[in-house]
Structures are given as structure tokens and as C-alpha cells.
Protein backbone atom coordinates (compact mmCIF):
# COMPACT_ATOMS: atom_id res chain seq x y z
CA MET A 1 53.81 -37.83 -59.13
CA ASN A 2 52.60 -36.04 -56.01
CA GLU A 3 54.79 -32.98 -56.53
CA ARG A 4 54.60 -32.56 -60.31
CA LEU A 5 51.41 -34.17 -61.54
CA LEU A 6 48.56 -34.27 -59.03
CA LEU A 7 46.58 -31.11 -58.35
CA ARG A 8 45.94 -29.92 -54.79
CA LEU A 9 42.31 -30.95 -55.15
CA PRO A 10 40.37 -33.99 -53.90
CA HIS A 11 41.18 -37.28 -55.64
CA ARG A 12 40.12 -40.89 -55.25
CA GLN A 13 42.08 -44.08 -55.70
CA MET A 14 40.18 -46.62 -57.76
CA VAL A 15 41.02 -50.25 -58.57
CA PHE A 16 39.57 -52.00 -61.62
CA THR A 17 39.78 -55.81 -61.70
CA PHE A 18 39.01 -58.40 -64.36
CA PRO A 19 37.59 -61.95 -64.22
CA LYS A 20 39.93 -64.92 -64.50
CA VAL A 21 38.66 -65.77 -67.98
CA LEU A 22 40.15 -62.51 -69.35
CA ARG A 23 43.40 -62.36 -67.37
CA GLY A 24 45.45 -64.55 -69.72
CA PHE A 25 44.90 -62.11 -72.58
CA PHE A 26 46.89 -59.47 -70.71
CA ARG A 27 49.86 -61.83 -70.48
CA HIS A 28 49.93 -62.30 -74.25
CA HIS A 29 48.72 -58.83 -75.31
CA PRO A 30 50.34 -56.29 -72.95
CA THR A 31 49.00 -53.37 -75.01
CA LEU A 32 45.56 -54.22 -73.60
CA TYR A 33 46.48 -52.38 -70.38
CA GLY A 34 46.78 -49.04 -72.18
CA GLN A 35 43.68 -49.62 -74.28
CA ILE A 36 41.56 -50.51 -71.25
CA ALA A 37 43.05 -47.58 -69.28
CA ARG A 38 41.87 -45.18 -72.01
CA GLN A 39 38.41 -46.76 -71.79
CA VAL A 40 38.38 -46.33 -68.01
CA TYR A 41 39.30 -42.65 -68.36
CA ALA A 42 36.57 -42.10 -70.98
CA MET A 43 34.06 -43.91 -68.75
CA ILE A 44 34.89 -41.74 -65.72
CA SER A 45 34.66 -38.61 -67.88
CA ARG A 46 31.18 -39.62 -69.11
CA PHE A 47 30.02 -40.27 -65.53
CA TYR A 48 31.32 -36.87 -64.40
CA ASN A 49 29.73 -35.07 -67.35
CA ALA A 50 26.38 -36.72 -66.58
CA ALA A 51 26.62 -35.87 -62.86
CA ALA A 52 27.58 -32.23 -63.53
CA GLY A 53 25.13 -31.75 -66.39
CA CYS A 54 27.90 -30.17 -68.47
CA LYS A 55 31.21 -31.00 -70.12
CA LEU A 56 34.05 -31.32 -67.62
CA HIS A 57 37.76 -31.80 -68.20
CA THR A 58 39.04 -34.22 -65.59
CA ALA A 59 42.34 -35.96 -64.94
CA ALA A 60 43.57 -39.39 -63.93
CA VAL A 61 46.78 -41.34 -63.50
CA ILE A 62 46.14 -44.97 -64.38
CA ALA A 63 48.77 -47.64 -63.80
CA TYR A 64 48.57 -51.34 -64.43
CA ALA A 65 49.56 -54.00 -61.96
CA SER A 66 50.31 -57.55 -63.00
CA ALA A 67 50.20 -59.24 -59.60
CA ALA A 68 48.38 -58.95 -56.32
CA GLU A 69 49.33 -59.83 -52.72
CA PHE A 70 50.34 -63.42 -53.45
CA ALA A 71 52.51 -62.56 -56.49
CA ARG A 72 50.22 -64.59 -58.78
CA PHE A 73 49.44 -63.15 -62.19
CA ASN A 74 46.40 -60.96 -61.57
CA PRO A 75 46.18 -58.04 -64.01
CA HIS A 76 44.29 -55.02 -62.74
CA LEU A 77 44.39 -51.23 -62.93
CA HIS A 78 45.09 -48.72 -60.17
CA ALA A 79 43.98 -45.15 -60.75
CA ILE A 80 44.21 -41.84 -58.98
CA ILE A 81 41.26 -39.89 -60.32
CA LEU A 82 40.42 -36.25 -59.75
CA GLU A 83 37.05 -36.01 -57.95
CA GLY A 84 35.36 -33.88 -60.55
CA GLY A 85 36.69 -31.64 -63.27
CA PHE A 86 36.90 -28.18 -64.75
CA ASP A 87 34.02 -26.68 -66.74
CA LEU A 88 34.51 -24.51 -69.83
CA SER A 89 34.99 -21.38 -67.66
CA GLY A 90 37.80 -23.07 -65.69
CA ARG A 91 35.74 -23.50 -62.51
CA PHE A 92 36.37 -26.75 -60.62
CA VAL A 93 33.21 -28.82 -60.11
CA HIS A 94 33.63 -31.27 -57.22
CA ILE A 95 31.86 -34.61 -57.66
CA PRO A 96 32.57 -36.54 -54.45
CA GLN A 97 30.28 -39.49 -55.11
CA LEU A 98 30.04 -41.94 -57.99
CA ASP A 99 27.52 -44.75 -58.18
CA LEU A 100 30.11 -47.56 -57.95
CA ALA A 101 27.54 -50.30 -58.63
CA ARG A 102 26.50 -48.61 -61.86
CA LEU A 103 30.11 -47.82 -62.71
CA GLY A 104 30.99 -51.49 -62.18
CA GLN A 105 28.20 -52.62 -64.51
CA TYR A 106 29.32 -50.13 -67.14
CA PHE A 107 32.95 -51.23 -66.73
CA ARG A 108 31.92 -54.85 -67.27
CA ALA A 109 29.78 -54.06 -70.34
CA SER A 110 32.37 -51.81 -71.99
CA THR A 111 35.24 -54.24 -71.31
CA VAL A 112 33.30 -57.23 -72.66
CA ASP A 113 32.38 -55.18 -75.73
CA PHE A 114 36.03 -54.19 -76.19
CA PHE A 115 37.25 -57.81 -76.00
CA LEU A 116 34.51 -58.84 -78.45
CA LYS A 117 35.45 -56.10 -80.94
CA CYS A 118 39.11 -57.15 -80.68
CA GLN A 119 37.94 -60.70 -81.50
CA LEU A 120 39.56 -62.06 -78.35
CA ILE A 121 36.27 -63.58 -77.19
CA ASN A 122 33.24 -64.82 -79.11
CA GLU A 123 29.66 -63.58 -78.88
CA ARG A 124 28.51 -66.54 -76.81
CA LEU A 125 31.10 -65.91 -74.10
CA ALA A 126 30.36 -62.18 -74.22
CA ARG A 127 26.63 -62.81 -73.63
CA ASN A 128 27.39 -65.23 -70.79
CA MET A 129 29.80 -62.81 -69.09
CA LEU A 130 27.15 -60.08 -69.08
CA GLN A 131 24.74 -62.42 -67.26
CA TRP A 132 27.06 -63.81 -64.59
CA ASP A 133 25.90 -63.01 -61.05
CA HIS A 134 29.49 -62.92 -59.84
CA SER A 135 31.19 -61.41 -62.84
CA GLY A 136 34.76 -61.11 -61.57
CA PHE A 137 34.75 -57.45 -62.63
CA SER A 138 34.98 -54.97 -59.81
CA VAL A 139 35.48 -51.28 -59.21
CA ASP A 140 36.73 -50.21 -55.79
CA GLY A 141 36.77 -46.53 -54.93
CA ALA A 142 37.07 -46.68 -51.14
CA VAL A 143 40.27 -44.63 -50.76
CA ARG A 144 39.73 -40.88 -50.87
CA ILE A 145 42.53 -38.34 -51.00
CA PRO A 146 41.51 -35.02 -49.42
CA ALA A 147 42.64 -31.85 -51.17
CA GLY A 148 44.94 -30.78 -48.36
CA SER A 149 46.50 -34.14 -47.56
CA CYS A 150 49.95 -34.22 -49.10
CA ARG A 151 50.81 -37.30 -47.02
CA THR A 152 47.88 -39.36 -48.38
CA ARG A 153 48.54 -38.22 -51.94
CA GLU A 154 52.20 -39.26 -51.61
CA ALA A 155 51.34 -42.64 -50.05
CA VAL A 156 48.81 -43.53 -52.75
CA SER A 157 51.19 -42.34 -55.49
CA GLN A 158 53.90 -44.63 -54.14
CA TYR A 159 51.43 -47.49 -53.77
CA ILE A 160 50.22 -47.47 -57.39
CA SER A 161 53.74 -47.13 -58.80
CA ARG A 162 55.28 -49.91 -56.69
CA ALA A 163 56.85 -53.08 -58.05
CA PRO A 164 54.60 -56.17 -58.07
CA ILE A 165 56.92 -57.99 -55.65
CA SER A 166 58.17 -56.42 -52.45
CA LEU A 167 61.80 -57.14 -51.57
CA SER A 168 60.88 -56.90 -47.89
CA LYS A 169 58.69 -60.00 -48.34
CA LEU A 170 61.44 -62.11 -49.95
CA VAL A 171 63.66 -64.37 -47.89
CA VAL A 172 66.57 -66.28 -49.40
CA GLU A 173 67.37 -69.55 -47.68
CA ASP A 174 70.93 -70.27 -48.75
CA HIS A 175 71.07 -73.68 -47.07
CA ALA A 176 68.08 -74.89 -49.11
CA ALA A 177 68.74 -72.80 -52.25
CA THR A 178 65.19 -71.48 -52.12
CA VAL A 179 63.47 -68.13 -52.15
CA LEU A 180 60.39 -67.69 -49.96
CA TYR A 181 57.74 -65.04 -50.45
CA HIS A 182 55.65 -64.06 -47.42
CA THR A 183 52.43 -62.06 -47.20
CA HIS A 184 50.47 -60.56 -44.33
CA LEU A 185 48.47 -63.82 -44.23
CA GLN A 186 51.65 -65.88 -43.95
CA PRO A 187 54.19 -63.81 -41.98
CA LEU A 188 57.77 -64.77 -41.32
CA LEU A 189 58.23 -67.07 -38.38
CA PRO A 190 60.22 -65.62 -35.46
CA HIS A 191 63.30 -67.79 -36.12
CA GLN A 192 63.52 -66.69 -39.77
CA PRO A 193 65.54 -63.62 -40.85
């Protein structure tokens, strides 16, 4: 991805998460990942166009993840998004800042609307979800990838394309016929392999 796909321009890693009430739908309707990813791309494009005051062509690599640190089902999206885009003359317009609070509100509203249109949720739940103080939706854009940093671009590319379970965190205990999964919050004890 780093060598063949990403431009040598500034990018940002973004993570889009969903509330628990919607997570089960991804288990039973895996095509939702692609549909929501297209919505995320369109949303970012609209934000960039508004910030630049003109039409920009931007780029993003969006990958879904089905689990988080504890290997529990937790569908979310990881994205590497170009920080800006190209105008009609081919000039790159750098947009280093996005209003993440506003982007998060828009992500929530557009996702709820999408689930409502797909008839996966009813209008009452949709209205309630839009009023929740702690919605469960989030947009994190803390990781920036500078234009000249091949190492950061490579690391983030590997991170978003990784398997949901790390083999280095698995320990097989033959004597007990069990498999243990450890995280940074529950490291291996010194006497374990």
C-alpha cells in the first residue's frame, strides 16, 4: 500500500466507531462495511470541498476491522485519508485540520439515516440515537502522516491491514488444552512462554 497506492503527500489515519446497538448488524450483513465506507469517503470529500471552497478530488484507503484489542466483536473502520485534494487544475490543496466534533456529529447523523433507510432500525430508535449524549459513534483523527515520512506511512499501512488477532498474543497451553489471548493490559506472566 505504501509503495504503490499512497501519494507522497500528507495523510491522516482516522478511525470510525459505531455504538453497540448497531454492531450486531455488521455480523449479519457484512456488506454494510463497504456501504458505510463509501459514505465515509463521500462525507470527507464534502468536508474538504467546503473547507477549500471548491471541488477537490481526494483519496482514501478504508479498511474494516471486526475486533479491537480484546478480540471481542467490535466493528469499526480504519482509514488513511489524504489531507486535502486536487482542484480542477491539478493543484494540491492541503487541508490539515478538520473539525472532528462536527465530523463526528455528521458521521452519526448520516449513519443513523443510512440504517433507517435500509430498514434495519425504526424511526423511534433513530430519533433516540440522534439525541444520546454519549452516542457510541466516534471519529478519531489523531495520527498524522507527514508527506516525507515513509516509515510512518508504512507503519500505518501495516496497522490498518493487520489481522484482528495477533499470533504474538496467543499462547497455547498444551497441558490444559487451552489457548490464552493476552493484551497490553494483561501481559504474559514471566513463567509463561
